[in-house]
PDB file of all heavy atoms in Angstrom:
ATOM      1  N   GLY A   1       0.772  -1.228   0.000  1.00  0.00           N
ATOM      2  CA  GLY A   1       0.000   0.000   0.000  1.00  0.00           C
ATOM      3  C   GLY A   1       0.804   1.279   0.000  1.00  0.00           C
ATOM      4  O   GLY A   1       0.257   2.367   0.233  1.00  0.00           O
ATOM      5  N   TYR A   2       2.115   1.195  -0.284  1.00  0.00           N
ATOM      6  CA  TYR A   2       2.962   2.380  -0.286  1.00  0.00           C
ATOM      7  C   TYR A   2       3.171   2.980  -1.677  1.00  0.00           C
ATOM      8  O   TYR A   2       3.580   4.126  -1.790  1.00  0.00           O
ATOM      9  CB  TYR A   2       4.341   2.050   0.303  1.00  0.00           C
ATOM     10  CG  TYR A   2       4.328   1.696   1.759  1.00  0.00           C
ATOM     11  CD1 TYR A   2       4.522   0.377   2.176  1.00  0.00           C
ATOM     12  CD2 TYR A   2       4.130   2.667   2.737  1.00  0.00           C
ATOM     13  CE1 TYR A   2       4.523   0.045   3.518  1.00  0.00           C
ATOM     14  CE2 TYR A   2       4.132   2.347   4.088  1.00  0.00           C
ATOM     15  CZ  TYR A   2       4.326   1.028   4.467  1.00  0.00           C
ATOM     16  OH  TYR A   2       4.326   0.697   5.795  1.00  0.00           O
ATOM     17  N   PHE A   3       2.956   2.190  -2.712  1.00  0.00           N
ATOM     18  CA  PHE A   3       3.271   2.600  -4.080  1.00  0.00           C
ATOM     19  C   PHE A   3       2.008   2.465  -4.913  1.00  0.00           C
ATOM     20  O   PHE A   3       1.599   1.370  -5.281  1.00  0.00           O
ATOM     21  CB  PHE A   3       4.395   1.705  -4.622  1.00  0.00           C
ATOM     22  CG  PHE A   3       4.993   2.151  -5.921  1.00  0.00           C
ATOM     23  CD1 PHE A   3       5.929   3.171  -5.959  1.00  0.00           C
ATOM     24  CD2 PHE A   3       4.646   1.537  -7.115  1.00  0.00           C
ATOM     25  CE1 PHE A   3       6.514   3.566  -7.159  1.00  0.00           C
ATOM     26  CE2 PHE A   3       5.212   1.923  -8.321  1.00  0.00           C
ATOM     27  CZ  PHE A   3       6.155   2.944  -8.336  1.00  0.00           C
ATOM     28  N   ASN A   4       1.378   3.580  -5.207  1.00  0.00           N
ATOM     29  CA  ASN A   4       0.037   3.546  -5.804  1.00  0.00           C
ATOM     30  C   ASN A   4       0.024   3.899  -7.286  1.00  0.00           C
ATOM     31  O   ASN A   4      -0.833   4.636  -7.765  1.00  0.00           O
ATOM     32  CB  ASN A   4      -0.891   4.474  -5.021  1.00  0.00           C
ATOM     33  CG  ASN A   4      -1.026   4.067  -3.575  1.00  0.00           C
ATOM     34  OD1 ASN A   4      -1.237   2.893  -3.287  1.00  0.00           O
ATOM     35  ND2 ASN A   4      -0.881   5.017  -2.668  1.00  0.00           N
ATOM     36  N   THR A   5       1.002   3.378  -8.003  1.00  0.00           N
ATOM     37  CA  THR A   5       1.052   3.572  -9.446  1.00  0.00           C
ATOM     38  C   THR A   5       1.667   2.331 -10.076  1.00  0.00           C
ATOM     39  O   THR A   5       2.036   1.398  -9.363  1.00  0.00           O
ATOM     40  CB  THR A   5       1.861   4.840  -9.797  1.00  0.00           C
ATOM     41  OG1 THR A   5       1.743   5.105 -11.203  1.00  0.00           O
ATOM     42  CG2 THR A   5       3.318   4.672  -9.427  1.00  0.00           C
ATOM     43  N   ALA A   6       1.797   2.310 -11.379  1.00  0.00           N
ATOM     44  CA  ALA A   6       2.342   1.134 -12.059  1.00  0.00           C
ATOM     45  C   ALA A   6       3.846   1.008 -11.789  1.00  0.00           C
ATOM     46  O   ALA A   6       4.559   2.017 -11.661  1.00  0.00           O
ATOM     47  CB  ALA A   6       2.097   1.239 -13.562  1.00  0.00           C
ATOM     48  N   THR A   7       4.328  -0.217 -11.684  1.00  0.00           N
ATOM     49  CA  THR A   7       5.760  -0.444 -11.535  1.00  0.00           C
ATOM     50  C   THR A   7       6.449  -0.095 -12.854  1.00  0.00           C
ATOM     51  O   THR A   7       5.952  -0.399 -13.931  1.00  0.00           O
ATOM     52  CB  THR A   7       6.057  -1.904 -11.162  1.00  0.00           C
ATOM     53  OG1 THR A   7       5.541  -2.773 -12.175  1.00  0.00           O
ATOM     54  CG2 THR A   7       5.417  -2.267  -9.831  1.00  0.00           C
ATOM     55  N   THR A   8       7.603   0.547 -12.732  1.00  0.00           N
ATOM     56  CA  THR A   8       8.295   1.044 -13.922  1.00  0.00           C
ATOM     57  C   THR A   8       9.721   0.531 -14.062  1.00  0.00           C
ATOM     58  O   THR A   8      10.296   0.596 -15.146  1.00  0.00           O
ATOM     59  CB  THR A   8       8.348   2.577 -13.895  1.00  0.00           C
ATOM     60  OG1 THR A   8       9.114   2.989 -12.746  1.00  0.00           O
ATOM     61  CG2 THR A   8       6.956   3.174 -13.824  1.00  0.00           C
ATOM     62  N   GLY A   9      10.297   0.073 -12.955  1.00  0.00           N
ATOM     63  CA  GLY A   9      11.704  -0.315 -12.998  1.00  0.00           C
ATOM     64  C   GLY A   9      12.642   0.871 -12.893  1.00  0.00           C
ATOM     65  O   GLY A   9      13.864   0.697 -12.968  1.00  0.00           O
ATOM     66  N   TYR A  10      12.094   2.066 -12.702  1.00  0.00           N
ATOM     67  CA  TYR A  10      12.909   3.269 -12.514  1.00  0.00           C
ATOM     68  C   TYR A  10      12.698   3.808 -11.103  1.00  0.00           C
ATOM     69  O   TYR A  10      11.569   3.999 -10.657  1.00  0.00           O
ATOM     70  CB  TYR A  10      12.546   4.350 -13.532  1.00  0.00           C
ATOM     71  CG  TYR A  10      13.186   5.685 -13.226  1.00  0.00           C
ATOM     72  CD1 TYR A  10      14.560   5.860 -13.364  1.00  0.00           C
ATOM     73  CD2 TYR A  10      12.424   6.761 -12.762  1.00  0.00           C
ATOM     74  CE1 TYR A  10      15.159   7.072 -13.051  1.00  0.00           C
ATOM     75  CE2 TYR A  10      13.007   7.977 -12.450  1.00  0.00           C
ATOM     76  CZ  TYR A  10      14.384   8.131 -12.593  1.00  0.00           C
ATOM     77  OH  TYR A  10      14.977   9.325 -12.262  1.00  0.00           O
ATOM     78  N   TYR A  11      13.791   4.058 -10.413  1.00  0.00           N
ATOM     79  CA  TYR A  11      13.748   4.528  -9.029  1.00  0.00           C
ATOM     80  C   TYR A  11      13.799   6.055  -9.018  1.00  0.00           C
ATOM     81  O   TYR A  11      14.871   6.649  -9.040  1.00  0.00           O
ATOM     82  CB  TYR A  11      14.945   3.961  -8.261  1.00  0.00           C
ATOM     83  CG  TYR A  11      14.761   3.832  -6.772  1.00  0.00           C
ATOM     84  CD1 TYR A  11      14.750   2.590  -6.166  1.00  0.00           C
ATOM     85  CD2 TYR A  11      14.622   4.954  -5.957  1.00  0.00           C
ATOM     86  CE1 TYR A  11      14.608   2.447  -4.802  1.00  0.00           C
ATOM     87  CE2 TYR A  11      14.482   4.840  -4.594  1.00  0.00           C
ATOM     88  CZ  TYR A  11      14.477   3.568  -4.019  1.00  0.00           C
ATOM     89  OH  TYR A  11      14.338   3.438  -2.656  1.00  0.00           O
ATOM     90  N   GLY A  12      12.625   6.654  -9.003  1.00  0.00           N
ATOM     91  CA  GLY A  12      12.516   8.108  -8.997  1.00  0.00           C
ATOM     92  C   GLY A  12      11.930   8.627  -7.701  1.00  0.00           C
ATOM     93  O   GLY A  12      11.900   7.929  -6.680  1.00  0.00           O
ATOM     94  N   PRO A  13      11.430   9.859  -7.705  1.00  0.00           N
ATOM     95  CA  PRO A  13      10.890  10.482  -6.484  1.00  0.00           C
ATOM     96  C   PRO A  13       9.729   9.721  -5.864  1.00  0.00           C
ATOM     97  O   PRO A  13       9.606   9.675  -4.631  1.00  0.00           O
ATOM     98  CB  PRO A  13      10.456  11.872  -6.976  1.00  0.00           C
ATOM     99  CG  PRO A  13      11.294  12.131  -8.178  1.00  0.00           C
ATOM    100  CD  PRO A  13      11.474  10.809  -8.844  1.00  0.00           C
ATOM    101  N   ILE A  14       8.845   9.143  -6.693  1.00  0.00           N
ATOM    102  CA  ILE A  14       7.693   8.417  -6.141  1.00  0.00           C
ATOM    103  C   ILE A  14       8.155   7.198  -5.356  1.00  0.00           C
ATOM    104  O   ILE A  14       7.685   6.935  -4.238  1.00  0.00           O
ATOM    105  CB  ILE A  14       6.721   8.008  -7.271  1.00  0.00           C
ATOM    106  CG1 ILE A  14       6.109   9.249  -7.917  1.00  0.00           C
ATOM    107  CG2 ILE A  14       5.611   7.105  -6.722  1.00  0.00           C
ATOM    108  CD1 ILE A  14       5.232   8.950  -9.121  1.00  0.00           C
ATOM    109  N   THR A  15       9.106   6.460  -5.923  1.00  0.00           N
ATOM    110  CA  THR A  15       9.630   5.281  -5.227  1.00  0.00           C
ATOM    111  C   THR A  15      10.376   5.696  -3.968  1.00  0.00           C
ATOM    112  O   THR A  15      10.240   5.063  -2.910  1.00  0.00           O
ATOM    113  CB  THR A  15      10.569   4.482  -6.151  1.00  0.00           C
ATOM    114  OG1 THR A  15       9.871   4.156  -7.360  1.00  0.00           O
ATOM    115  CG2 THR A  15      11.030   3.196  -5.471  1.00  0.00           C
ATOM    116  N   THR A  16      11.141   6.763  -4.064  1.00  0.00           N
ATOM    117  CA  THR A  16      11.891   7.248  -2.896  1.00  0.00           C
ATOM    118  C   THR A  16      10.955   7.589  -1.748  1.00  0.00           C
ATOM    119  O   THR A  16      11.201   7.195  -0.587  1.00  0.00           O
ATOM    120  CB  THR A  16      12.723   8.491  -3.272  1.00  0.00           C
ATOM    121  OG1 THR A  16      13.662   8.142  -4.293  1.00  0.00           O
ATOM    122  CG2 THR A  16      13.481   9.031  -2.059  1.00  0.00           C
ATOM    123  N   GLU A  17       9.874   8.288  -2.030  1.00  0.00           N
ATOM    124  CA  GLU A  17       8.931   8.655  -0.975  1.00  0.00           C
ATOM    125  C   GLU A  17       8.210   7.437  -0.412  1.00  0.00           C
ATOM    126  O   GLU A  17       7.942   7.370   0.798  1.00  0.00           O
ATOM    127  CB  GLU A  17       7.918   9.675  -1.504  1.00  0.00           C
ATOM    128  CG  GLU A  17       8.513  11.048  -1.773  1.00  0.00           C
ATOM    129  CD  GLU A  17       9.220  11.623  -0.548  1.00  0.00           C
ATOM    130  OE1 GLU A  17       8.612  11.602   0.548  1.00  0.00           O
ATOM    131  OE2 GLU A  17      10.363  12.072  -0.686  1.00  0.00           O
ATOM    132  N   ALA A  18       7.908   6.474  -1.272  1.00  0.00           N
ATOM    133  CA  ALA A  18       7.261   5.247  -0.798  1.00  0.00           C
ATOM    134  C   ALA A  18       8.179   4.482   0.138  1.00  0.00           C
ATOM    135  O   ALA A  18       7.754   3.963   1.178  1.00  0.00           O
ATOM    136  CB  ALA A  18       6.865   4.374  -1.991  1.00  0.00           C
ATOM    137  N   VAL A  19       9.453   4.394  -0.211  1.00  0.00           N
ATOM    138  CA  VAL A  19      10.424   3.703   0.644  1.00  0.00           C
ATOM    139  C   VAL A  19      10.602   4.446   1.960  1.00  0.00           C
ATOM    140  O   VAL A  19      10.700   3.825   3.028  1.00  0.00           O
ATOM    141  CB  VAL A  19      11.775   3.543  -0.086  1.00  0.00           C
ATOM    142  CG1 VAL A  19      12.863   3.038   0.871  1.00  0.00           C
ATOM    143  CG2 VAL A  19      11.634   2.575  -1.257  1.00  0.00           C
ATOM    144  N   LYS A  20      10.626   5.761   1.904  1.00  0.00           N
ATOM    145  CA  LYS A  20      10.740   6.542   3.142  1.00  0.00           C
ATOM    146  C   LYS A  20       9.580   6.240   4.095  1.00  0.00           C
ATOM    147  O   LYS A  20       9.781   6.110   5.308  1.00  0.00           O
ATOM    148  CB  LYS A  20      10.764   8.044   2.835  1.00  0.00           C
ATOM    149  CG  LYS A  20      12.096   8.558   2.331  1.00  0.00           C
ATOM    150  CD  LYS A  20      12.036  10.066   2.140  1.00  0.00           C
ATOM    151  CE  LYS A  20      13.373  10.618   1.662  1.00  0.00           C
ATOM    152  NZ  LYS A  20      13.312  12.092   1.466  1.00  0.00           N
ATOM    153  N   GLN A  21       8.369   6.136   3.553  1.00  0.00           N
ATOM    154  CA  GLN A  21       7.215   5.858   4.409  1.00  0.00           C
ATOM    155  C   GLN A  21       7.315   4.461   5.011  1.00  0.00           C
ATOM    156  O   GLN A  21       7.003   4.261   6.191  1.00  0.00           O
ATOM    157  CB  GLN A  21       5.917   5.998   3.623  1.00  0.00           C
ATOM    158  CG  GLN A  21       4.679   5.955   4.501  1.00  0.00           C
ATOM    159  CD  GLN A  21       4.678   7.022   5.567  1.00  0.00           C
ATOM    160  OE1 GLN A  21       4.771   8.219   5.258  1.00  0.00           O
ATOM    161  NE2 GLN A  21       4.583   6.626   6.836  1.00  0.00           N
ATOM    162  N   LEU A  22       7.743   3.493   4.209  1.00  0.00           N
ATOM    163  CA  LEU A  22       7.970   2.144   4.730  1.00  0.00           C
ATOM    164  C   LEU A  22       8.984   2.186   5.864  1.00  0.00           C
ATOM    165  O   LEU A  22       8.772   1.595   6.942  1.00  0.00           O
ATOM    166  CB  LEU A  22       8.465   1.234   3.608  1.00  0.00           C
ATOM    167  CG  LEU A  22       8.963  -0.160   4.024  1.00  0.00           C
ATOM    168  CD1 LEU A  22       7.787  -1.091   4.292  1.00  0.00           C
ATOM    169  CD2 LEU A  22       9.854  -0.758   2.929  1.00  0.00           C
ATOM    170  N   GLN A  23      10.070   2.871   5.642  1.00  0.00           N
ATOM    171  CA  GLN A  23      11.125   2.950   6.657  1.00  0.00           C
ATOM    172  C   GLN A  23      10.639   3.630   7.928  1.00  0.00           C
ATOM    173  O   GLN A  23      10.943   3.179   9.044  1.00  0.00           O
ATOM    174  CB  GLN A  23      12.339   3.672   6.067  1.00  0.00           C
ATOM    175  CG  GLN A  23      13.041   2.863   4.987  1.00  0.00           C
ATOM    176  CD  GLN A  23      13.997   3.676   4.137  1.00  0.00           C
ATOM    177  OE1 GLN A  23      13.843   4.896   3.993  1.00  0.00           O
ATOM    178  NE2 GLN A  23      14.987   3.018   3.552  1.00  0.00           N
ATOM    179  N   LYS A  24       9.861   4.689   7.788  1.00  0.00           N
ATOM    180  CA  LYS A  24       9.311   5.367   8.971  1.00  0.00           C
ATOM    181  C   LYS A  24       8.401   4.430   9.757  1.00  0.00           C
ATOM    182  O   LYS A  24       8.493   4.347  10.991  1.00  0.00           O
ATOM    183  CB  LYS A  24       8.527   6.607   8.549  1.00  0.00           C
ATOM    184  CG  LYS A  24       9.374   7.761   8.065  1.00  0.00           C
ATOM    185  CD  LYS A  24       8.494   8.929   7.606  1.00  0.00           C
ATOM    186  CE  LYS A  24       9.318  10.074   7.055  1.00  0.00           C
ATOM    187  NZ  LYS A  24       8.459  11.184   6.562  1.00  0.00           N
ATOM    188  N   ASP A  25       7.533   3.722   9.052  1.00  0.00           N
ATOM    189  CA  ASP A  25       6.576   2.848   9.725  1.00  0.00           C
ATOM    190  C   ASP A  25       7.272   1.730  10.498  1.00  0.00           C
ATOM    191  O   ASP A  25       6.788   1.296  11.545  1.00  0.00           O
ATOM    192  CB  ASP A  25       5.606   2.233   8.715  1.00  0.00           C
ATOM    193  CG  ASP A  25       4.574   3.233   8.211  1.00  0.00           C
ATOM    194  OD1 ASP A  25       4.496   4.347   8.774  1.00  0.00           O
ATOM    195  OD2 ASP A  25       3.840   2.896   7.252  1.00  0.00           O
ATOM    196  N   PHE A  26       8.404   1.252   9.968  1.00  0.00           N
ATOM    197  CA  PHE A  26       9.070   0.120  10.583  1.00  0.00           C
ATOM    198  C   PHE A  26      10.282   0.517  11.425  1.00  0.00           C
ATOM    199  O   PHE A  26      11.096  -0.319  11.797  1.00  0.00           O
ATOM    200  CB  PHE A  26       9.487  -0.894   9.511  1.00  0.00           C
ATOM    201  CG  PHE A  26       8.326  -1.698   8.986  1.00  0.00           C
ATOM    202  CD1 PHE A  26       7.548  -1.220   7.950  1.00  0.00           C
ATOM    203  CD2 PHE A  26       8.001  -2.923   9.547  1.00  0.00           C
ATOM    204  CE1 PHE A  26       6.456  -1.945   7.469  1.00  0.00           C
ATOM    205  CE2 PHE A  26       6.925  -3.656   9.082  1.00  0.00           C
ATOM    206  CZ  PHE A  26       6.157  -3.166   8.041  1.00  0.00           C
ATOM    207  N   GLY A  27      10.401   1.785  11.735  1.00  0.00           N
ATOM    208  CA  GLY A  27      11.424   2.238  12.663  1.00  0.00           C
ATOM    209  C   GLY A  27      12.816   2.306  12.086  1.00  0.00           C
ATOM    210  O   GLY A  27      13.802   2.294  12.835  1.00  0.00           O
ATOM    211  N   LEU A  28      12.913   2.382  10.758  1.00  0.00           N
ATOM    212  CA  LEU A  28      14.216   2.521  10.123  1.00  0.00           C
ATOM    213  C   LEU A  28      14.456   3.981   9.753  1.00  0.00           C
ATOM    214  O   LEU A  28      13.530   4.767   9.607  1.00  0.00           O
ATOM    215  CB  LEU A  28      14.285   1.657   8.860  1.00  0.00           C
ATOM    216  CG  LEU A  28      14.038   0.157   9.042  1.00  0.00           C
ATOM    217  CD1 LEU A  28      14.109  -0.553   7.693  1.00  0.00           C
ATOM    218  CD2 LEU A  28      15.047  -0.448  10.007  1.00  0.00           C
ATOM    219  N   GLU A  29      15.718   4.342   9.579  1.00  0.00           N
ATOM    220  CA  GLU A  29      16.029   5.702   9.163  1.00  0.00           C
ATOM    221  C   GLU A  29      15.447   5.948   7.774  1.00  0.00           C
ATOM    222  O   GLU A  29      15.721   5.197   6.830  1.00  0.00           O
ATOM    223  CB  GLU A  29      17.545   5.899   9.136  1.00  0.00           C
ATOM    224  CG  GLU A  29      17.961   7.316   8.782  1.00  0.00           C
ATOM    225  CD  GLU A  29      19.470   7.481   8.722  1.00  0.00           C
ATOM    226  OE1 GLU A  29      20.192   6.493   8.957  1.00  0.00           O
ATOM    227  OE2 GLU A  29      19.912   8.613   8.431  1.00  0.00           O
ATOM    228  N   PRO A  30      14.636   6.988   7.612  1.00  0.00           N
ATOM    229  CA  PRO A  30      13.952   7.232   6.337  1.00  0.00           C
ATOM    230  C   PRO A  30      14.869   7.865   5.297  1.00  0.00           C
ATOM    231  O   PRO A  30      14.718   9.034   4.935  1.00  0.00           O
ATOM    232  CB  PRO A  30      12.814   8.163   6.733  1.00  0.00           C
ATOM    233  CG  PRO A  30      13.348   8.925   7.900  1.00  0.00           C
ATOM    234  CD  PRO A  30      14.215   7.959   8.655  1.00  0.00           C
ATOM    235  N   ILE A  31      15.789   7.089   4.777  1.00  0.00           N
ATOM    236  CA  ILE A  31      16.760   7.609   3.823  1.00  0.00           C
ATOM    237  C   ILE A  31      16.229   7.573   2.386  1.00  0.00           C
ATOM    238  O   ILE A  31      16.769   8.228   1.502  1.00  0.00           O
ATOM    239  CB  ILE A  31      18.083   6.834   3.903  1.00  0.00           C
ATOM    240  CG1 ILE A  31      17.853   5.347   3.624  1.00  0.00           C
ATOM    241  CG2 ILE A  31      18.742   7.026   5.260  1.00  0.00           C
ATOM    242  CD1 ILE A  31      19.130   4.514   3.555  1.00  0.00           C
ATOM    243  N   GLY A  32      15.201   6.750   2.142  1.00  0.00           N
ATOM    244  CA  GLY A  32      14.609   6.700   0.817  1.00  0.00           C
ATOM    245  C   GLY A  32      15.258   5.740  -0.138  1.00  0.00           C
ATOM    246  O   GLY A  32      14.715   5.450  -1.204  1.00  0.00           O
ATOM    247  N   GLY A  33      16.424   5.244   0.203  1.00  0.00           N
ATOM    248  CA  GLY A  33      17.093   4.227  -0.596  1.00  0.00           C
ATOM    249  C   GLY A  33      16.971   2.871   0.066  1.00  0.00           C
ATOM    250  O   GLY A  33      16.719   2.772   1.273  1.00  0.00           O
TER     251      GLY A  33
END
């Protein structure tokens, strides 16, 4: 539920923000990578 668009194989701003939210939720440093 973090990535609400089609998968593209390109790591851009949308993917970075989705990863940051995952990291925040699970207590990891929200670095986005």
